[in-house]
N, C-alpha and C. Protein backbone atom coordinates (compact mmCIF):
# COMPACT_ATOMS: atom_id res chain seq x y z
N MET A 1 -4.75 -3.61 -19.30
CA MET A 1 -4.93 -4.50 -18.07
C MET A 1 -3.80 -4.24 -17.33
N ASN A 2 -4.11 -4.45 -15.98
CA ASN A 2 -3.02 -4.45 -15.00
C ASN A 2 -2.83 -5.71 -14.45
N ARG A 3 -1.64 -5.99 -13.75
CA ARG A 3 -1.13 -7.32 -12.88
C ARG A 3 -0.70 -7.04 -11.62
N LYS A 4 -1.42 -7.63 -10.70
CA LYS A 4 -0.94 -7.47 -9.30
C LYS A 4 0.26 -8.33 -9.22
N ILE A 5 1.10 -7.99 -8.55
CA ILE A 5 2.39 -8.55 -8.20
C ILE A 5 2.63 -9.10 -6.78
N TYR A 6 2.23 -8.26 -5.95
CA TYR A 6 2.70 -8.35 -4.54
C TYR A 6 1.61 -7.79 -3.72
N THR A 7 1.46 -8.25 -2.44
CA THR A 7 0.46 -7.95 -1.43
C THR A 7 1.02 -8.10 -0.25
N GLN A 8 1.01 -7.24 0.36
CA GLN A 8 1.19 -7.37 1.91
C GLN A 8 0.46 -6.53 3.07
N ASP A 9 0.14 -7.17 4.17
CA ASP A 9 -0.65 -6.01 5.31
C ASP A 9 0.38 -5.28 5.97
N ILE A 10 0.01 -3.95 6.11
CA ILE A 10 0.80 -2.85 6.75
C ILE A 10 0.76 -3.33 8.44
N VAL A 11 2.05 -3.29 8.74
CA VAL A 11 2.06 -3.77 10.07
C VAL A 11 2.92 -2.33 10.89
N LEU A 12 2.26 -2.09 12.08
CA LEU A 12 2.76 -1.07 12.95
C LEU A 12 4.43 -1.15 13.17
N ASP A 13 4.99 -2.29 13.49
CA ASP A 13 6.36 -2.55 13.59
C ASP A 13 7.17 -2.14 12.48
N ASN A 14 6.55 -2.24 11.45
CA ASN A 14 7.26 -2.07 9.95
C ASN A 14 7.56 -0.62 9.61
N PHE A 15 6.91 0.41 10.42
CA PHE A 15 6.95 1.84 9.99
C PHE A 15 8.23 2.26 10.42
N LEU A 16 9.17 2.90 9.66
CA LEU A 16 10.41 3.43 9.88
C LEU A 16 10.40 4.69 10.47
N ASP A 17 9.38 5.44 10.25
CA ASP A 17 9.11 6.79 10.41
C ASP A 17 7.83 6.85 11.64
N PRO A 18 8.27 7.15 13.08
CA PRO A 18 7.23 6.86 14.10
C PRO A 18 6.26 7.97 13.81
N GLU A 19 6.20 9.16 13.08
CA GLU A 19 5.33 10.11 12.76
C GLU A 19 4.12 9.34 11.92
N MET A 20 4.28 8.56 11.26
CA MET A 20 3.40 7.79 10.32
C MET A 20 2.20 7.07 11.19
N VAL A 21 2.41 6.75 12.47
CA VAL A 21 1.34 6.34 13.19
C VAL A 21 0.19 7.28 13.53
N LYS A 22 0.29 8.73 13.56
CA LYS A 22 -0.75 9.37 13.60
C LYS A 22 -1.87 9.36 12.49
N PHE A 23 -1.69 8.83 11.56
CA PHE A 23 -2.41 8.73 10.32
C PHE A 23 -3.48 7.46 10.44
N TYR A 24 -3.01 6.73 11.51
CA TYR A 24 -3.80 5.32 11.92
C TYR A 24 -4.42 5.57 13.42
N PRO A 25 -5.39 6.48 13.81
CA PRO A 25 -5.51 6.59 15.23
C PRO A 25 -6.32 5.38 15.72
N LYS A 26 -6.93 4.58 14.73
CA LYS A 26 -7.88 3.48 15.26
C LYS A 26 -7.11 2.16 14.65
N LYS A 27 -5.85 2.60 14.33
CA LYS A 27 -5.12 1.12 14.06
C LYS A 27 -5.84 0.51 13.09
N ASP A 28 -6.34 0.92 12.04
CA ASP A 28 -7.04 0.50 10.90
C ASP A 28 -6.02 0.21 9.79
N TYR A 29 -5.00 -0.36 10.01
CA TYR A 29 -3.89 -0.53 8.95
C TYR A 29 -4.54 -1.25 7.77
N HIS A 30 -3.95 -0.80 6.60
CA HIS A 30 -4.67 -1.35 5.06
C HIS A 30 -3.51 -2.50 4.67
N ARG A 31 -3.95 -2.59 3.49
CA ARG A 31 -3.15 -3.60 2.68
C ARG A 31 -2.33 -3.00 1.39
N MET A 32 -1.15 -2.97 1.45
CA MET A 32 -0.47 -2.47 0.44
C MET A 32 -0.29 -3.44 -1.01
N TYR A 33 -0.31 -2.70 -2.16
CA TYR A 33 -0.20 -3.72 -3.27
C TYR A 33 0.98 -2.86 -4.23
N VAL A 34 1.62 -3.88 -4.82
CA VAL A 34 2.71 -3.73 -5.93
C VAL A 34 2.10 -4.16 -7.19
N GLY A 35 1.95 -3.34 -8.28
CA GLY A 35 1.49 -3.97 -9.55
C GLY A 35 2.03 -3.54 -10.68
N GLU A 36 1.77 -3.97 -11.68
CA GLU A 36 2.51 -3.64 -13.00
C GLU A 36 1.29 -3.13 -13.94
N ILE A 37 1.41 -2.13 -14.72
CA ILE A 37 0.73 -1.29 -15.65
C ILE A 37 0.97 -1.81 -17.01
N ARG A 38 0.17 -2.74 -17.52
CA ARG A 38 0.41 -3.52 -18.60
C ARG A 38 -0.11 -2.70 -19.96
N ARG A 39 -1.17 -1.90 -19.85
CA ARG A 39 -1.52 -1.33 -20.91
C ARG A 39 -2.02 0.13 -20.50
N CYS A 40 -1.99 1.23 -21.18
CA CYS A 40 -2.34 2.55 -20.62
C CYS A 40 -3.09 3.10 -21.97
N LEU A 41 -4.50 3.75 -21.86
CA LEU A 41 -5.23 4.27 -23.04
C LEU A 41 -5.17 5.75 -22.57
N SER A 42 -5.02 6.44 -23.91
CA SER A 42 -5.31 8.04 -23.95
C SER A 42 -5.91 8.35 -24.88
N LYS A 43 -6.56 9.67 -24.71
CA LYS A 43 -7.63 10.27 -25.65
C LYS A 43 -6.45 11.04 -26.52
C-alpha cells in the first residue's frame, strides 16, 4: 500500500532550468505527486 503525501500542479514560472520548457510545447503541464511506499512485495 502507498500513501500520497503531497500534490502540486507544475507551473512554468517555477522551472529553474529554462531548457525544460521544450518538453511542454503544448503547455500541457502535469501534476507532481510525492508519496510514501509503505509496503513492497517481491518474488
